[in-house]
Amino acid sequence: KADLDAAIAKLKDLKADLAEKQKAFEEAVGGGSKAAAVNKEAFRAALNAILQRRAFVLPAFAIYGGVAGLYDYGPPGCAVKSN
């Protein structure tokens, strides 16, 4: 019984911690205010930069200065898409 009570208390602590982290994430990314929209755009730009840096997606004709808006999958992106 003591082990069960300890496990329940630990789960409640983890649940409270998760709720705090979700709230902080929503404040940083989501919401309806103008500041939240700016944070959302910053998050999107950072995610796009990471995906390009790690070659998940690459602008199709970036090295030639060509068409914008077309993307190729890099090797990691192809692996993710196939699974």
PDB file of N, CA and C in Angstrom:
ATOM      1  N   LYS A   1       0.826  -1.193   0.000  1.00  0.00           N
ATOM      2  CA  LYS A   1       0.000   0.000   0.000  1.00  0.00           C
ATOM      3  C   LYS A   1       0.867   1.253   0.000  1.00  0.00           C
ATOM      4  N   ALA A   2       1.951   1.246   0.763  1.00  0.00           N
ATOM      5  CA  ALA A   2       2.825   2.416   0.826  1.00  0.00           C
ATOM      6  C   ALA A   2       3.481   2.678  -0.535  1.00  0.00           C
ATOM      7  N   ASP A   3       3.861   1.605  -1.234  1.00  0.00           N
ATOM      8  CA  ASP A   3       4.462   1.755  -2.560  1.00  0.00           C
ATOM      9  C   ASP A   3       3.457   2.352  -3.545  1.00  0.00           C
ATOM     10  N   LEU A   4       2.215   1.888  -3.437  1.00  0.00           N
ATOM     11  CA  LEU A   4       1.163   2.392  -4.306  1.00  0.00           C
ATOM     12  C   LEU A   4       0.896   3.870  -4.047  1.00  0.00           C
ATOM     13  N   ASP A   5       0.834   4.259  -2.790  1.00  0.00           N
ATOM     14  CA  ASP A   5       0.623   5.666  -2.443  1.00  0.00           C
ATOM     15  C   ASP A   5       1.781   6.530  -2.932  1.00  0.00           C
ATOM     16  N   ALA A   6       3.007   6.027  -2.819  1.00  0.00           N
ATOM     17  CA  ALA A   6       4.174   6.775  -3.298  1.00  0.00           C
ATOM     18  C   ALA A   6       4.130   6.942  -4.815  1.00  0.00           C
ATOM     19  N   ALA A   7       3.724   5.890  -5.522  1.00  0.00           N
ATOM     20  CA  ALA A   7       3.624   5.962  -6.975  1.00  0.00           C
ATOM     21  C   ALA A   7       2.539   6.942  -7.403  1.00  0.00           C
ATOM     22  N   ILE A   8       1.414   6.948  -6.703  1.00  0.00           N
ATOM     23  CA  ILE A   8       0.325   7.878  -7.012  1.00  0.00           C
ATOM     24  C   ILE A   8       0.775   9.311  -6.773  1.00  0.00           C
ATOM     25  N   ALA A   9       1.494   9.557  -5.679  1.00  0.00           N
ATOM     26  CA  ALA A   9       1.992  10.900  -5.387  1.00  0.00           C
ATOM     27  C   ALA A   9       2.982  11.351  -6.460  1.00  0.00           C
ATOM     28  N   LYS A  10       3.828  10.434  -6.916  1.00  0.00           N
ATOM     29  CA  LYS A  10       4.791  10.771  -7.962  1.00  0.00           C
ATOM     30  C   LYS A  10       4.079  11.097  -9.264  1.00  0.00           C
ATOM     31  N   LEU A  11       3.053  10.327  -9.612  1.00  0.00           N
ATOM     32  CA  LEU A  11       2.280  10.601 -10.827  1.00  0.00           C
ATOM     33  C   LEU A  11       1.575  11.957 -10.748  1.00  0.00           C
ATOM     34  N   LYS A  12       1.051  12.307  -9.585  1.00  0.00           N
ATOM     35  CA  LYS A  12       0.408  13.613  -9.424  1.00  0.00           C
ATOM     36  C   LYS A  12       1.414  14.736  -9.604  1.00  0.00           C
ATOM     37  N   ASP A  13       2.631  14.551  -9.081  1.00  0.00           N
ATOM     38  CA  ASP A  13       3.678  15.561  -9.258  1.00  0.00           C
ATOM     39  C   ASP A  13       4.054  15.700 -10.727  1.00  0.00           C
ATOM     40  N   LEU A  14       4.180  14.564 -11.427  1.00  0.00           N
ATOM     41  CA  LEU A  14       4.512  14.600 -12.845  1.00  0.00           C
ATOM     42  C   LEU A  14       3.408  15.266 -13.661  1.00  0.00           C
ATOM     43  N   LYS A  15       2.157  14.998 -13.283  1.00  0.00           N
ATOM     44  CA  LYS A  15       1.028  15.603 -13.986  1.00  0.00           C
ATOM     45  C   LYS A  15       1.016  17.118 -13.790  1.00  0.00           C
ATOM     46  N   ALA A  16       1.297  17.579 -12.578  1.00  0.00           N
ATOM     47  CA  ALA A  16       1.355  19.016 -12.307  1.00  0.00           C
ATOM     48  C   ALA A  16       2.504  19.656 -13.087  1.00  0.00           C
ATOM     49  N   ASP A  17       3.645  18.984 -13.160  1.00  0.00           N
ATOM     50  CA  ASP A  17       4.794  19.498 -13.906  1.00  0.00           C
ATOM     51  C   ASP A  17       4.463  19.588 -15.394  1.00  0.00           C
ATOM     52  N   LEU A  18       3.799  18.574 -15.919  1.00  0.00           N
ATOM     53  CA  LEU A  18       3.402  18.581 -17.325  1.00  0.00           C
ATOM     54  C   LEU A  18       2.438  19.726 -17.608  1.00  0.00           C
ATOM     55  N   ALA A  19       1.480  19.961 -16.725  1.00  0.00           N
ATOM     56  CA  ALA A  19       0.526  21.051 -16.914  1.00  0.00           C
ATOM     57  C   ALA A  19       1.243  22.399 -16.940  1.00  0.00           C
ATOM     58  N   GLU A  20       2.247  22.584 -16.076  1.00  0.00           N
ATOM     59  CA  GLU A  20       3.004  23.834 -16.061  1.00  0.00           C
ATOM     60  C   GLU A  20       3.769  24.016 -17.373  1.00  0.00           C
ATOM     61  N   LYS A  21       4.380  22.948 -17.862  1.00  0.00           N
ATOM     62  CA  LYS A  21       5.142  23.032 -19.104  1.00  0.00           C
ATOM     63  C   LYS A  21       4.233  23.289 -20.298  1.00  0.00           C
ATOM     64  N   GLN A  22       3.051  22.671 -20.314  1.00  0.00           N
ATOM     65  CA  GLN A  22       2.105  22.914 -21.404  1.00  0.00           C
ATOM     66  C   GLN A  22       1.633  24.361 -21.399  1.00  0.00           C
ATOM     67  N   LYS A  23       1.381  24.891 -20.217  1.00  0.00           N
ATOM     68  CA  LYS A  23       0.946  26.283 -20.112  1.00  0.00           C
ATOM     69  C   LYS A  23       2.039  27.223 -20.605  1.00  0.00           C
ATOM     70  N   ALA A  24       3.290  26.966 -20.229  1.00  0.00           N
ATOM     71  CA  ALA A  24       4.408  27.801 -20.671  1.00  0.00           C
ATOM     72  C   ALA A  24       4.570  27.717 -22.189  1.00  0.00           C
ATOM     73  N   PHE A  25       4.405  26.519 -22.747  1.00  0.00           N
ATOM     74  CA  PHE A  25       4.511  26.348 -24.196  1.00  0.00           C
ATOM     75  C   PHE A  25       3.408  27.104 -24.915  1.00  0.00           C
ATOM     76  N   GLU A  26       2.182  26.995 -24.428  1.00  0.00           N
ATOM     77  CA  GLU A  26       1.064  27.705 -25.055  1.00  0.00           C
ATOM     78  C   GLU A  26       1.258  29.209 -24.997  1.00  0.00           C
ATOM     79  N   GLU A  27       1.801  29.713 -23.892  1.00  0.00           N
ATOM     80  CA  GLU A  27       2.059  31.145 -23.780  1.00  0.00           C
ATOM     81  C   GLU A  27       3.139  31.572 -24.766  1.00  0.00           C
ATOM     82  N   ALA A  28       4.129  30.710 -24.995  1.00  0.00           N
ATOM     83  CA  ALA A  28       5.235  31.055 -25.880  1.00  0.00           C
ATOM     84  C   ALA A  28       4.865  30.934 -27.357  1.00  0.00           C
ATOM     85  N   VAL A  29       3.991  29.978 -27.695  1.00  0.00           N
ATOM     86  CA  VAL A  29       3.724  29.699 -29.099  1.00  0.00           C
ATOM     87  C   VAL A  29       2.308  30.063 -29.521  1.00  0.00           C
ATOM     88  N   GLY A  30       1.337  29.613 -28.790  1.00  0.00           N
ATOM     89  CA  GLY A  30      -0.049  29.756 -29.222  1.00  0.00           C
ATOM     90  C   GLY A  30      -0.720  30.973 -28.641  1.00  0.00           C
ATOM     91  N   GLY A  31      -2.018  30.958 -28.713  1.00  0.00           N
ATOM     92  CA  GLY A  31      -2.799  32.045 -28.147  1.00  0.00           C
ATOM     93  C   GLY A  31      -3.347  32.955 -29.224  1.00  0.00           C
ATOM     94  N   GLY A  32      -4.030  34.047 -28.804  1.00  0.00           N
ATOM     95  CA  GLY A  32      -4.645  34.944 -29.759  1.00  0.00           C
ATOM     96  C   GLY A  32      -4.073  36.334 -29.759  1.00  0.00           C
ATOM     97  N   SER A  33      -3.139  36.647 -28.898  1.00  0.00           N
ATOM     98  CA  SER A  33      -2.602  37.996 -28.843  1.00  0.00           C
ATOM     99  C   SER A  33      -1.562  38.206 -29.922  1.00  0.00           C
ATOM    100  N   LYS A  34      -1.234  39.466 -30.171  1.00  0.00           N
ATOM    101  CA  LYS A  34      -0.253  39.803 -31.190  1.00  0.00           C
ATOM    102  C   LYS A  34       1.129  39.284 -30.816  1.00  0.00           C
ATOM    103  N   ALA A  35       1.471  39.348 -29.536  1.00  0.00           N
ATOM    104  CA  ALA A  35       2.768  38.848 -29.086  1.00  0.00           C
ATOM    105  C   ALA A  35       2.878  37.349 -29.307  1.00  0.00           C
ATOM    106  N   ALA A  36       1.787  36.627 -29.079  1.00  0.00           N
ATOM    107  CA  ALA A  36       1.803  35.183 -29.300  1.00  0.00           C
ATOM    108  C   ALA A  36       1.977  34.879 -30.781  1.00  0.00           C
ATOM    109  N   ALA A  37       1.380  35.701 -31.656  1.00  0.00           N
ATOM    110  CA  ALA A  37       1.542  35.488 -33.096  1.00  0.00           C
ATOM    111  C   ALA A  37       2.990  35.705 -33.506  1.00  0.00           C
ATOM    112  N   VAL A  38       3.641  36.688 -32.908  1.00  0.00           N
ATOM    113  CA  VAL A  38       5.058  36.921 -33.199  1.00  0.00           C
ATOM    114  C   VAL A  38       5.882  35.732 -32.731  1.00  0.00           C
ATOM    115  N   ASN A  39       5.585  35.221 -31.528  1.00  0.00           N
ATOM    116  CA  ASN A  39       6.300  34.048 -31.024  1.00  0.00           C
ATOM    117  C   ASN A  39       6.057  32.834 -31.910  1.00  0.00           C
ATOM    118  N   LYS A  40       4.844  32.712 -32.426  1.00  0.00           N
ATOM    119  CA  LYS A  40       4.524  31.592 -33.300  1.00  0.00           C
ATOM    120  C   LYS A  40       5.321  31.679 -34.594  1.00  0.00           C
ATOM    121  N   GLU A  41       5.441  32.889 -35.140  1.00  0.00           N
ATOM    122  CA  GLU A  41       6.233  33.071 -36.349  1.00  0.00           C
ATOM    123  C   GLU A  41       7.710  32.814 -36.080  1.00  0.00           C
ATOM    124  N   ALA A  42       8.203  33.224 -34.922  1.00  0.00           N
ATOM    125  CA  ALA A  42       9.599  32.968 -34.564  1.00  0.00           C
ATOM    126  C   ALA A  42       9.834  31.472 -34.418  1.00  0.00           C
ATOM    127  N   PHE A  43       8.881  30.768 -33.822  1.00  0.00           N
ATOM    128  CA  PHE A  43       8.988  29.312 -33.681  1.00  0.00           C
ATOM    129  C   PHE A  43       9.010  28.646 -35.053  1.00  0.00           C
ATOM    130  N   ARG A  44       8.133  29.097 -35.950  1.00  0.00           N
ATOM    131  CA  ARG A  44       8.066  28.530 -37.293  1.00  0.00           C
ATOM    132  C   ARG A  44       9.375  28.780 -38.051  1.00  0.00           C
ATOM    133  N   ALA A  45       9.926  29.983 -37.919  1.00  0.00           N
ATOM    134  CA  ALA A  45      11.193  30.294 -38.584  1.00  0.00           C
ATOM    135  C   ALA A  45      12.335  29.461 -38.020  1.00  0.00           C
ATOM    136  N   ALA A  46      12.361  29.288 -36.704  1.00  0.00           N
ATOM    137  CA  ALA A  46      13.410  28.474 -36.085  1.00  0.00           C
ATOM    138  C   ALA A  46      13.286  27.017 -36.514  1.00  0.00           C
ATOM    139  N   LEU A  47      12.073  26.489 -36.559  1.00  0.00           N
ATOM    140  CA  LEU A  47      11.863  25.109 -36.991  1.00  0.00           C
ATOM    141  C   LEU A  47      12.280  24.919 -38.442  1.00  0.00           C
ATOM    142  N   ASN A  48      11.936  25.871 -39.300  1.00  0.00           N
ATOM    143  CA  ASN A  48      12.317  25.806 -40.702  1.00  0.00           C
ATOM    144  C   ASN A  48      13.834  25.815 -40.850  1.00  0.00           C
ATOM    145  N   ALA A  49      14.511  26.656 -40.067  1.00  0.00           N
ATOM    146  CA  ALA A  49      15.974  26.724 -40.122  1.00  0.00           C
ATOM    147  C   ALA A  49      16.604  25.406 -39.683  1.00  0.00           C
ATOM    148  N   ILE A  50      16.057  24.803 -38.640  1.00  0.00           N
ATOM    149  CA  ILE A  50      16.593  23.524 -38.163  1.00  0.00           C
ATOM    150  C   ILE A  50      16.389  22.435 -39.209  1.00  0.00           C
ATOM    151  N   LEU A  51      15.211  22.380 -39.816  1.00  0.00           N
ATOM    152  CA  LEU A  51      14.937  21.352 -40.825  1.00  0.00           C
ATOM    153  C   LEU A  51      15.854  21.506 -42.033  1.00  0.00           C
ATOM    154  N   GLN A  52      16.129  22.752 -42.427  1.00  0.00           N
ATOM    155  CA  GLN A  52      17.033  22.962 -43.554  1.00  0.00           C
ATOM    156  C   GLN A  52      18.473  22.647 -43.171  1.00  0.00           C
ATOM    157  N   ARG A  53      18.879  23.041 -41.972  1.00  0.00           N
ATOM    158  CA  ARG A  53      20.248  22.810 -41.528  1.00  0.00           C
ATOM    159  C   ARG A  53      20.548  21.315 -41.416  1.00  0.00           C
ATOM    160  N   ARG A  54      19.555  20.539 -41.005  1.00  0.00           N
ATOM    161  CA  ARG A  54      19.753  19.093 -40.851  1.00  0.00           C
ATOM    162  C   ARG A  54      19.334  18.316 -42.088  1.00  0.00           C
ATOM    163  N   ALA A  55      19.016  19.015 -43.168  1.00  0.00           N
ATOM    164  CA  ALA A  55      18.724  18.446 -44.492  1.00  0.00           C
ATOM    165  C   ALA A  55      17.474  17.572 -44.511  1.00  0.00           C
ATOM    166  N   PHE A  56      16.477  17.872 -43.674  1.00  0.00           N
ATOM    167  CA  PHE A  56      15.202  17.169 -43.788  1.00  0.00           C
ATOM    168  C   PHE A  56      14.466  17.663 -45.023  1.00  0.00           C
ATOM    169  N   VAL A  57      14.403  18.969 -45.198  1.00  0.00           N
ATOM    170  CA  VAL A  57      13.840  19.566 -46.402  1.00  0.00           C
ATOM    171  C   VAL A  57      14.803  20.649 -46.871  1.00  0.00           C
ATOM    172  N   LEU A  58      14.903  20.797 -48.181  1.00  0.00           N
ATOM    173  CA  LEU A  58      15.798  21.784 -48.769  1.00  0.00           C
ATOM    174  C   LEU A  58      15.047  22.532 -49.859  1.00  0.00           C
ATOM    175  N   PRO A  59      15.252  23.853 -49.972  1.00  0.00           N
ATOM    176  CA  PRO A  59      14.651  24.566 -51.108  1.00  0.00           C
ATOM    177  C   PRO A  59      15.165  23.957 -52.410  1.00  0.00           C
ATOM    178  N   ALA A  60      14.273  23.701 -53.348  1.00  0.00           N
ATOM    179  CA  ALA A  60      14.604  22.914 -54.533  1.00  0.00           C
ATOM    180  C   ALA A  60      15.727  23.520 -55.368  1.00  0.00           C
ATOM    181  N   PHE A  61      15.660  24.790 -55.666  1.00  0.00           N
ATOM    182  CA  PHE A  61      16.642  25.392 -56.568  1.00  0.00           C
ATOM    183  C   PHE A  61      17.423  26.495 -55.868  1.00  0.00           C
ATOM    184  N   ALA A  62      17.701  26.333 -54.585  1.00  0.00           N
ATOM    185  CA  ALA A  62      18.361  27.372 -53.800  1.00  0.00           C
ATOM    186  C   ALA A  62      19.762  27.678 -54.333  1.00  0.00           C
ATOM    187  N   ILE A  63      20.493  26.655 -54.729  1.00  0.00           N
ATOM    188  CA  ILE A  63      21.858  26.906 -55.182  1.00  0.00           C
ATOM    189  C   ILE A  63      21.896  27.581 -56.543  1.00  0.00           C
ATOM    190  N   TYR A  64      20.798  27.502 -57.301  1.00  0.00           N
ATOM    191  CA  TYR A  64      20.749  28.128 -58.615  1.00  0.00           C
ATOM    192  C   TYR A  64      20.028  29.468 -58.586  1.00  0.00           C
ATOM    193  N   GLY A  65      19.439  29.828 -57.442  1.00  0.00           N
ATOM    194  CA  GLY A  65      18.694  31.086 -57.348  1.00  0.00           C
ATOM    195  C   GLY A  65      17.395  31.035 -58.136  1.00  0.00           C
ATOM    196  N   GLY A  66      16.791  29.885 -58.222  1.00  0.00           N
ATOM    197  CA  GLY A  66      15.618  29.687 -59.064  1.00  0.00           C
ATOM    198  C   GLY A  66      14.305  29.848 -58.339  1.00  0.00           C
ATOM    199  N   VAL A  67      13.388  28.948 -58.602  1.00  0.00           N
ATOM    200  CA  VAL A  67      12.001  29.011 -58.162  1.00  0.00           C
ATOM    201  C   VAL A  67      11.901  28.913 -56.644  1.00  0.00           C
ATOM    202  N   ALA A  68      11.078  29.786 -56.063  1.00  0.00           N
ATOM    203  CA  ALA A  68      10.837  29.732 -54.623  1.00  0.00           C
ATOM    204  C   ALA A  68       9.565  28.930 -54.369  1.00  0.00           C
ATOM    205  N   GLY A  69       9.500  28.283 -53.203  1.00  0.00           N
ATOM    206  CA  GLY A  69       8.295  27.575 -52.818  1.00  0.00           C
ATOM    207  C   GLY A  69       8.327  26.086 -53.105  1.00  0.00           C
ATOM    208  N   LEU A  70       9.353  25.610 -53.774  1.00  0.00           N
ATOM    209  CA  LEU A  70       9.475  24.183 -54.036  1.00  0.00           C
ATOM    210  C   LEU A  70      10.547  23.613 -53.127  1.00  0.00           C
ATOM    211  N   TYR A  71      10.283  22.436 -52.574  1.00  0.00           N
ATOM    212  CA  TYR A  71      11.216  21.825 -51.634  1.00  0.00           C
ATOM    213  C   TYR A  71      11.524  20.398 -52.044  1.00  0.00           C
ATOM    214  N   ASP A  72      12.742  19.979 -51.762  1.00  0.00           N
ATOM    215  CA  ASP A  72      13.169  18.589 -51.930  1.00  0.00           C
ATOM    216  C   ASP A  72      13.383  18.005 -50.546  1.00  0.00           C
ATOM    217  N   TYR A  73      13.173  16.697 -50.416  1.00  0.00           N
ATOM    218  CA  TYR A  73      13.476  16.008 -49.172  1.00  0.00           C
ATOM    219  C   TYR A  73      14.935  15.576 -49.193  1.00  0.00           C
ATOM    220  N   GLY A  74      15.639  15.816 -48.093  1.00  0.00           N
ATOM    221  CA  GLY A  74      16.986  15.291 -47.941  1.00  0.00           C
ATOM    222  C   GLY A  74      16.914  13.848 -47.490  1.00  0.00           C
ATOM    223  N   PRO A  75      18.057  13.201 -47.274  1.00  0.00           N
ATOM    224  CA  PRO A  75      18.046  11.791 -46.834  1.00  0.00           C
ATOM    225  C   PRO A  75      17.239  11.547 -45.563  1.00  0.00           C
ATOM    226  N   PRO A  76      17.380  12.379 -44.496  1.00  0.00           N
ATOM    227  CA  PRO A  76      16.544  12.129 -43.312  1.00  0.00           C
ATOM    228  C   PRO A  76      15.062  12.356 -43.592  1.00  0.00           C
ATOM    229  N   GLY A  77      14.749  13.348 -44.434  1.00  0.00           N
ATOM    230  CA  GLY A  77      13.353  13.617 -44.773  1.00  0.00           C
ATOM    231  C   GLY A  77      12.722  12.473 -45.541  1.00  0.00           C
ATOM    232  N   CYS A  78      13.493  11.851 -46.450  1.00  0.00           N
ATOM    233  CA  CYS A  78      12.986  10.692 -47.188  1.00  0.00           C
ATOM    234  C   CYS A  78      12.722   9.517 -46.256  1.00  0.00           C
ATOM    235  N   ALA A  79      13.601   9.338 -45.272  1.00  0.00           N
ATOM    236  CA  ALA A  79      13.410   8.245 -44.320  1.00  0.00           C
ATOM    237  C   ALA A  79      12.151   8.462 -43.487  1.00  0.00           C
ATOM    238  N   VAL A  80      11.908   9.694 -43.078  1.00  0.00           N
ATOM    239  CA  VAL A  80      10.703  10.003 -42.291  1.00  0.00           C
ATOM    240  C   VAL A  80       9.456   9.820 -43.148  1.00  0.00           C
ATOM    241  N   LYS A  81       9.517  10.281 -44.401  1.00  0.00           N
ATOM    242  CA  LYS A  81       8.363  10.167 -45.276  1.00  0.00           C
ATOM    243  C   LYS A  81       8.025   8.712 -45.580  1.00  0.00           C
ATOM    244  N   SER A  82       9.037   7.875 -45.752  1.00  0.00           N
ATOM    245  CA  SER A  82       8.784   6.474 -46.087  1.00  0.00           C
ATOM    246  C   SER A  82       8.204   5.691 -44.913  1.00  0.00           C
ATOM    247  N   ASN A  83       8.474   6.167 -43.716  1.00  0.00           N
ATOM    248  CA  ASN A  83       7.906   5.483 -42.548  1.00  0.00           C
ATOM    249  C   ASN A  83       6.654   6.187 -42.166  1.00  0.00           C
TER     250      ASN A  83
END
